[in-house]
């Protein structure tokens, strides 16, 4: 079970990092969400993975789970949801104000076409 959690956390982290480094805003938001899920799994696995363990300490130390990572993950889920909603609204606002959804605010296709037009115009002036 630990290896499954480790592999899943690694895959989520790798996919989240890849999407976070993309040039458009929607993949960045999805990448941040995947990274949030990876951190949640990591926090949850740090508490120790036990099956059929009681969540409350009842006197003996056998088969109990630590409630602190569970509380941390619940808090992280709420904060992650709020930050995802904020990032989506911010991306929508940037799209509306700038007219594109590139992370750096420039439309690379448009700038490339403008540069080619300028080069052609300079060539004709010579």
N, C-alpha and C. Protein backbone atom coordinates (compact mmCIF):
# COMPACT_ATOMS: atom_id res chain seq x y z
N UNK A 1 0.82 -1.19 0.00
CA UNK A 1 0.00 0.00 0.00
C UNK A 1 0.87 1.26 0.00
N UNK A 2 2.00 1.20 0.70
CA UNK A 2 2.90 2.36 0.72
C UNK A 2 3.47 2.65 -0.65
N UNK A 3 3.79 1.59 -1.39
CA UNK A 3 4.34 1.81 -2.74
C UNK A 3 3.30 2.42 -3.67
N UNK A 4 2.04 2.03 -3.52
CA UNK A 4 0.98 2.62 -4.34
C UNK A 4 0.83 4.12 -4.03
N UNK A 5 0.87 4.48 -2.75
CA UNK A 5 0.80 5.89 -2.38
C UNK A 5 2.01 6.65 -2.91
N UNK A 6 3.19 6.06 -2.83
CA UNK A 6 4.40 6.73 -3.30
C UNK A 6 4.37 6.94 -4.81
N UNK A 7 3.95 5.93 -5.55
CA UNK A 7 3.87 6.04 -7.00
C UNK A 7 2.82 7.07 -7.40
N UNK A 8 1.68 7.04 -6.76
CA UNK A 8 0.61 7.99 -7.07
C UNK A 8 1.03 9.41 -6.76
N UNK A 9 1.69 9.61 -5.62
CA UNK A 9 2.18 10.93 -5.26
C UNK A 9 3.22 11.42 -6.26
N UNK A 10 4.10 10.54 -6.69
CA UNK A 10 5.11 10.92 -7.67
C UNK A 10 4.51 11.26 -9.02
N UNK A 11 3.55 10.47 -9.48
CA UNK A 11 2.91 10.74 -10.77
C UNK A 11 2.14 12.05 -10.72
N UNK A 12 1.40 12.28 -9.64
CA UNK A 12 0.66 13.54 -9.51
C UNK A 12 1.61 14.73 -9.45
N UNK A 13 2.73 14.58 -8.75
CA UNK A 13 3.71 15.67 -8.68
C UNK A 13 4.33 15.95 -10.04
N UNK A 14 4.70 14.91 -10.77
CA UNK A 14 5.32 15.10 -12.08
C UNK A 14 4.34 15.73 -13.07
N UNK A 15 3.12 15.22 -13.11
CA UNK A 15 2.12 15.79 -14.02
C UNK A 15 1.78 17.23 -13.64
N UNK A 16 1.67 17.50 -12.33
CA UNK A 16 1.39 18.85 -11.88
C UNK A 16 2.50 19.82 -12.21
N UNK A 17 3.74 19.40 -12.06
CA UNK A 17 4.87 20.26 -12.39
C UNK A 17 4.93 20.53 -13.90
N UNK A 18 4.70 19.50 -14.69
CA UNK A 18 4.69 19.66 -16.15
C UNK A 18 3.62 20.66 -16.57
N UNK A 19 2.42 20.51 -16.03
CA UNK A 19 1.33 21.41 -16.42
C UNK A 19 1.53 22.81 -15.88
N UNK A 20 2.17 22.94 -14.72
CA UNK A 20 2.42 24.26 -14.16
C UNK A 20 3.39 25.06 -15.02
N UNK A 21 4.29 24.38 -15.71
CA UNK A 21 5.28 25.06 -16.55
C UNK A 21 4.79 25.34 -17.97
N UNK A 22 3.53 25.12 -18.24
CA UNK A 22 2.97 25.39 -19.57
C UNK A 22 2.77 26.89 -19.75
N UNK A 23 2.47 27.31 -20.98
CA UNK A 23 2.38 28.72 -21.29
C UNK A 23 0.99 29.33 -21.19
N UNK A 24 -0.01 28.52 -21.04
CA UNK A 24 -1.38 29.04 -20.96
C UNK A 24 -1.91 28.88 -19.54
N UNK A 25 -2.95 29.64 -19.23
CA UNK A 25 -3.39 29.70 -17.84
C UNK A 25 -4.17 28.46 -17.39
N UNK A 26 -4.97 27.86 -18.25
CA UNK A 26 -5.76 26.71 -17.81
C UNK A 26 -4.89 25.52 -17.42
N UNK A 27 -3.87 25.13 -18.22
CA UNK A 27 -3.00 24.05 -17.76
C UNK A 27 -2.25 24.39 -16.47
N UNK A 28 -1.95 25.66 -16.26
CA UNK A 28 -1.28 26.05 -15.02
C UNK A 28 -2.20 25.83 -13.83
N UNK A 29 -3.46 26.19 -13.98
CA UNK A 29 -4.43 25.99 -12.89
C UNK A 29 -4.62 24.49 -12.61
N UNK A 30 -4.72 23.69 -13.66
CA UNK A 30 -4.86 22.24 -13.48
C UNK A 30 -3.60 21.66 -12.84
N UNK A 31 -2.43 22.15 -13.24
CA UNK A 31 -1.18 21.69 -12.64
C UNK A 31 -1.07 22.03 -11.17
N UNK A 32 -1.49 23.23 -10.80
CA UNK A 32 -1.49 23.59 -9.38
C UNK A 32 -2.46 22.72 -8.59
N UNK A 33 -3.58 22.39 -9.19
CA UNK A 33 -4.54 21.51 -8.52
C UNK A 33 -3.95 20.11 -8.32
N UNK A 34 -3.27 19.59 -9.34
CA UNK A 34 -2.63 18.27 -9.21
C UNK A 34 -1.53 18.29 -8.15
N UNK A 35 -0.77 19.38 -8.09
CA UNK A 35 0.24 19.50 -7.04
C UNK A 35 -0.39 19.55 -5.66
N UNK A 36 -1.54 20.19 -5.56
CA UNK A 36 -2.27 20.22 -4.29
C UNK A 36 -2.71 18.82 -3.88
N UNK A 37 -3.20 18.03 -4.83
CA UNK A 37 -3.59 16.66 -4.54
C UNK A 37 -2.38 15.82 -4.12
N UNK A 38 -1.24 16.05 -4.76
CA UNK A 38 -0.03 15.31 -4.40
C UNK A 38 0.41 15.65 -2.97
N UNK A 39 0.32 16.92 -2.61
CA UNK A 39 0.68 17.32 -1.24
C UNK A 39 -0.30 16.71 -0.24
N UNK A 40 -1.57 16.66 -0.60
CA UNK A 40 -2.56 16.03 0.30
C UNK A 40 -2.26 14.55 0.52
N UNK A 41 -1.92 13.84 -0.54
CA UNK A 41 -1.56 12.43 -0.39
C UNK A 41 -0.29 12.27 0.44
N UNK A 42 0.67 13.17 0.24
CA UNK A 42 1.91 13.12 1.01
C UNK A 42 1.63 13.35 2.49
N UNK A 43 0.82 14.35 2.81
CA UNK A 43 0.47 14.62 4.22
C UNK A 43 -0.27 13.44 4.83
N UNK A 44 -1.17 12.87 4.05
CA UNK A 44 -1.95 11.74 4.55
C UNK A 44 -1.06 10.53 4.81
N UNK A 45 -0.09 10.29 3.93
CA UNK A 45 0.78 9.13 4.12
C UNK A 45 1.79 9.33 5.25
N UNK A 46 2.09 10.57 5.62
CA UNK A 46 3.02 10.81 6.71
C UNK A 46 2.44 10.41 8.06
N UNK A 47 1.14 10.29 8.15
CA UNK A 47 0.51 9.87 9.39
C UNK A 47 0.60 8.37 9.62
N UNK A 48 1.07 7.65 8.65
CA UNK A 48 1.13 6.19 8.76
C UNK A 48 -0.12 5.57 8.17
N UNK A 49 0.06 4.60 7.33
CA UNK A 49 -1.06 3.97 6.66
C UNK A 49 -1.43 2.70 7.42
N UNK A 50 -2.57 2.71 8.04
CA UNK A 50 -3.08 1.53 8.73
C UNK A 50 -4.48 1.25 8.22
N UNK A 51 -4.80 -0.01 8.10
CA UNK A 51 -6.15 -0.38 7.70
C UNK A 51 -6.93 -0.81 8.94
N UNK A 52 -8.17 -0.45 8.98
CA UNK A 52 -9.08 -0.77 10.08
C UNK A 52 -8.57 -0.26 11.41
N UNK A 53 -7.93 0.90 11.41
CA UNK A 53 -7.44 1.51 12.64
C UNK A 53 -8.44 2.52 13.16
N UNK A 54 -8.55 2.60 14.47
CA UNK A 54 -9.46 3.56 15.08
C UNK A 54 -8.84 4.95 15.00
N UNK A 55 -9.67 5.95 14.78
CA UNK A 55 -9.19 7.31 14.67
C UNK A 55 -9.00 7.96 16.03
N UNK A 56 -9.59 7.40 17.07
CA UNK A 56 -9.51 7.96 18.41
C UNK A 56 -8.69 7.01 19.28
N UNK A 57 -7.82 7.60 20.10
CA UNK A 57 -7.00 6.79 21.00
C UNK A 57 -7.90 6.26 22.11
N UNK A 58 -7.89 4.94 22.27
CA UNK A 58 -8.77 4.32 23.27
C UNK A 58 -8.00 3.60 24.37
N UNK A 59 -6.79 4.01 24.64
CA UNK A 59 -6.06 3.40 25.74
C UNK A 59 -4.89 2.56 25.29
N UNK A 60 -5.11 1.62 24.38
CA UNK A 60 -3.99 0.81 23.90
C UNK A 60 -3.43 1.41 22.62
N UNK A 61 -2.17 1.14 22.35
CA UNK A 61 -1.48 1.75 21.22
C UNK A 61 -1.52 0.90 19.96
N UNK A 62 -2.26 -0.15 19.93
CA UNK A 62 -2.25 -1.03 18.76
C UNK A 62 -3.35 -0.62 17.78
N UNK A 63 -2.95 -0.41 16.55
CA UNK A 63 -3.92 -0.19 15.48
C UNK A 63 -4.60 1.15 15.48
N UNK A 64 -3.98 2.18 16.03
CA UNK A 64 -4.63 3.49 15.97
C UNK A 64 -3.98 4.35 14.89
N UNK A 65 -4.73 5.26 14.38
CA UNK A 65 -4.21 6.17 13.37
C UNK A 65 -4.04 7.55 13.99
N UNK A 66 -3.17 8.32 13.40
CA UNK A 66 -2.90 9.66 13.88
C UNK A 66 -3.93 10.62 13.28
N UNK A 67 -4.72 11.32 14.08
CA UNK A 67 -5.74 12.21 13.53
C UNK A 67 -5.20 13.53 13.00
N UNK A 68 -3.96 13.89 13.35
CA UNK A 68 -3.42 15.17 12.91
C UNK A 68 -3.26 15.26 11.39
N UNK A 69 -2.68 14.26 10.71
CA UNK A 69 -2.61 14.37 9.24
C UNK A 69 -3.98 14.42 8.58
N UNK A 70 -4.95 13.74 9.16
CA UNK A 70 -6.30 13.80 8.60
C UNK A 70 -6.87 15.21 8.70
N UNK A 71 -6.63 15.87 9.83
CA UNK A 71 -7.09 17.25 9.99
C UNK A 71 -6.34 18.19 9.05
N UNK A 72 -5.04 17.96 8.87
CA UNK A 72 -4.27 18.78 7.95
C UNK A 72 -4.75 18.62 6.52
N UNK A 73 -5.07 17.40 6.12
CA UNK A 73 -5.55 17.17 4.76
C UNK A 73 -6.92 17.81 4.55
N UNK A 74 -7.79 17.73 5.53
CA UNK A 74 -9.10 18.38 5.39
C UNK A 74 -8.94 19.89 5.25
N UNK A 75 -8.04 20.47 6.03
CA UNK A 75 -7.78 21.91 5.92
C UNK A 75 -7.17 22.23 4.56
N UNK A 76 -6.25 21.40 4.09
CA UNK A 76 -5.60 21.64 2.80
C UNK A 76 -6.60 21.52 1.65
N UNK A 77 -7.57 20.63 1.77
CA UNK A 77 -8.60 20.50 0.72
C UNK A 77 -9.41 21.78 0.61
N UNK A 78 -9.79 22.35 1.74
CA UNK A 78 -10.58 23.58 1.73
C UNK A 78 -9.76 24.74 1.17
N UNK A 79 -8.52 24.87 1.61
CA UNK A 79 -7.66 25.94 1.12
C UNK A 79 -7.36 25.75 -0.36
N UNK A 80 -7.12 24.51 -0.79
CA UNK A 80 -6.86 24.23 -2.20
C UNK A 80 -8.04 24.57 -3.08
N UNK A 81 -9.24 24.27 -2.61
CA UNK A 81 -10.44 24.61 -3.38
C UNK A 81 -10.59 26.11 -3.52
N UNK A 82 -10.35 26.84 -2.44
CA UNK A 82 -10.45 28.30 -2.49
C UNK A 82 -9.39 28.90 -3.41
N UNK A 83 -8.19 28.37 -3.36
CA UNK A 83 -7.13 28.90 -4.22
C UNK A 83 -7.37 28.55 -5.69
N UNK A 84 -7.94 27.39 -5.96
CA UNK A 84 -8.28 27.03 -7.33
C UNK A 84 -9.36 27.97 -7.88
N UNK A 85 -10.36 28.25 -7.08
CA UNK A 85 -11.41 29.18 -7.50
C UNK A 85 -10.82 30.57 -7.76
N UNK A 86 -9.91 31.02 -6.88
CA UNK A 86 -9.28 32.32 -7.07
C UNK A 86 -8.43 32.34 -8.34
N UNK A 87 -7.67 31.29 -8.59
CA UNK A 87 -6.82 31.23 -9.78
C UNK A 87 -7.65 31.21 -11.06
N UNK A 88 -8.79 30.53 -11.04
CA UNK A 88 -9.66 30.50 -12.22
C UNK A 88 -10.25 31.88 -12.48
N UNK A 89 -10.70 32.56 -11.42
CA UNK A 89 -11.25 33.91 -11.58
C UNK A 89 -10.16 34.87 -12.06
N UNK A 90 -8.95 34.73 -11.53
CA UNK A 90 -7.84 35.57 -11.96
C UNK A 90 -7.49 35.32 -13.43
N UNK A 91 -7.52 34.06 -13.86
CA UNK A 91 -7.24 33.74 -15.25
C UNK A 91 -8.33 34.27 -16.17
N UNK A 92 -9.57 34.18 -15.73
CA UNK A 92 -10.67 34.72 -16.54
C UNK A 92 -10.55 36.24 -16.67
N UNK A 93 -10.17 36.90 -15.59
CA UNK A 93 -10.01 38.36 -15.63
C UNK A 93 -8.85 38.74 -16.54
N UNK A 94 -7.75 38.01 -16.47
CA UNK A 94 -6.61 38.29 -17.34
C UNK A 94 -6.97 38.07 -18.80
N UNK A 95 -7.74 37.03 -19.07
CA UNK A 95 -8.19 36.75 -20.44
C UNK A 95 -9.06 37.89 -20.95
N UNK A 96 -9.95 38.39 -20.09
CA UNK A 96 -10.82 39.48 -20.50
C UNK A 96 -10.08 40.79 -20.70
N UNK A 97 -9.09 41.08 -19.86
CA UNK A 97 -8.36 42.34 -19.96
C UNK A 97 -7.34 42.34 -21.08
N UNK A 98 -6.61 41.23 -21.25
CA UNK A 98 -5.53 41.20 -22.24
C UNK A 98 -5.94 40.57 -23.57
N UNK A 99 -7.03 39.83 -23.57
CA UNK A 99 -7.49 39.23 -24.81
C UNK A 99 -6.82 37.90 -25.16
N UNK A 100 -5.97 37.39 -24.29
CA UNK A 100 -5.35 36.09 -24.53
C UNK A 100 -5.17 35.39 -23.19
N UNK A 101 -4.76 34.13 -23.23
CA UNK A 101 -4.62 33.39 -21.98
C UNK A 101 -3.19 32.90 -21.75
N UNK A 102 -2.22 33.62 -22.28
CA UNK A 102 -0.83 33.27 -22.02
C UNK A 102 -0.46 33.73 -20.62
N UNK A 103 0.42 32.99 -19.98
CA UNK A 103 0.81 33.31 -18.61
C UNK A 103 1.57 34.63 -18.56
N UNK A 104 2.42 34.90 -19.54
CA UNK A 104 3.21 36.13 -19.53
C UNK A 104 2.46 37.33 -20.09
N UNK A 105 1.24 37.15 -20.58
CA UNK A 105 0.43 38.25 -21.05
C UNK A 105 0.65 38.62 -22.51
N UNK A 106 1.54 37.93 -23.21
CA UNK A 106 1.80 38.23 -24.61
C UNK A 106 1.21 37.15 -25.49
N UNK A 107 0.68 37.55 -26.62
CA UNK A 107 0.21 36.60 -27.61
C UNK A 107 1.37 36.33 -28.56
N UNK A 108 2.03 35.18 -28.38
CA UNK A 108 3.25 34.89 -29.11
C UNK A 108 3.01 34.75 -30.61
N UNK A 109 1.88 34.24 -31.00
CA UNK A 109 1.57 34.11 -32.43
C UNK A 109 1.41 35.50 -33.04
N UNK A 110 0.73 36.39 -32.33
CA UNK A 110 0.50 37.74 -32.83
C UNK A 110 1.82 38.50 -32.92
N UNK A 111 2.65 38.39 -31.87
CA UNK A 111 3.93 39.09 -31.89
C UNK A 111 4.85 38.55 -32.98
N UNK A 112 4.79 37.26 -33.24
CA UNK A 112 5.58 36.69 -34.32
C UNK A 112 5.14 37.21 -35.67
N UNK A 113 3.82 37.34 -35.88
CA UNK A 113 3.31 37.86 -37.14
C UNK A 113 3.67 39.33 -37.29
N UNK A 114 3.59 40.12 -36.20
CA UNK A 114 3.95 41.53 -36.27
C UNK A 114 5.43 41.70 -36.58
N UNK A 115 6.27 40.84 -36.01
CA UNK A 115 7.71 40.93 -36.28
C UNK A 115 7.99 40.60 -37.75
N UNK A 116 7.29 39.63 -38.33
CA UNK A 116 7.49 39.30 -39.73
C UNK A 116 7.03 40.46 -40.62
N UNK A 117 5.92 41.11 -40.27
CA UNK A 117 5.45 42.26 -41.04
C UNK A 117 6.46 43.40 -40.98
N UNK A 118 7.03 43.64 -39.81
CA UNK A 118 8.03 44.69 -39.68
C UNK A 118 9.26 44.38 -40.50
N UNK A 119 9.69 43.12 -40.52
CA UNK A 119 10.86 42.75 -41.31
C UNK A 119 10.58 42.92 -42.80
N UNK A 120 9.40 42.56 -43.26
CA UNK A 120 9.03 42.73 -44.67
C UNK A 120 8.97 44.20 -45.01
N UNK A 121 8.42 45.02 -44.10
CA UNK A 121 8.32 46.45 -44.33
C UNK A 121 9.71 47.08 -44.42
N UNK A 122 10.63 46.66 -43.57
CA UNK A 122 12.00 47.19 -43.60
C UNK A 122 12.71 46.77 -44.88
N UNK A 123 12.46 45.56 -45.35
CA UNK A 123 13.08 45.07 -46.58
C UNK A 123 12.59 45.89 -47.77
N UNK A 124 11.31 46.25 -47.79
CA UNK A 124 10.76 47.01 -48.91
C UNK A 124 11.28 48.45 -48.92
N UNK A 125 11.60 48.98 -47.75
CA UNK A 125 12.10 50.35 -47.69
C UNK A 125 13.52 50.45 -48.21
N UNK A 126 14.26 49.39 -48.23
CA UNK A 126 15.65 49.42 -48.72
C UNK A 126 15.69 49.49 -50.18
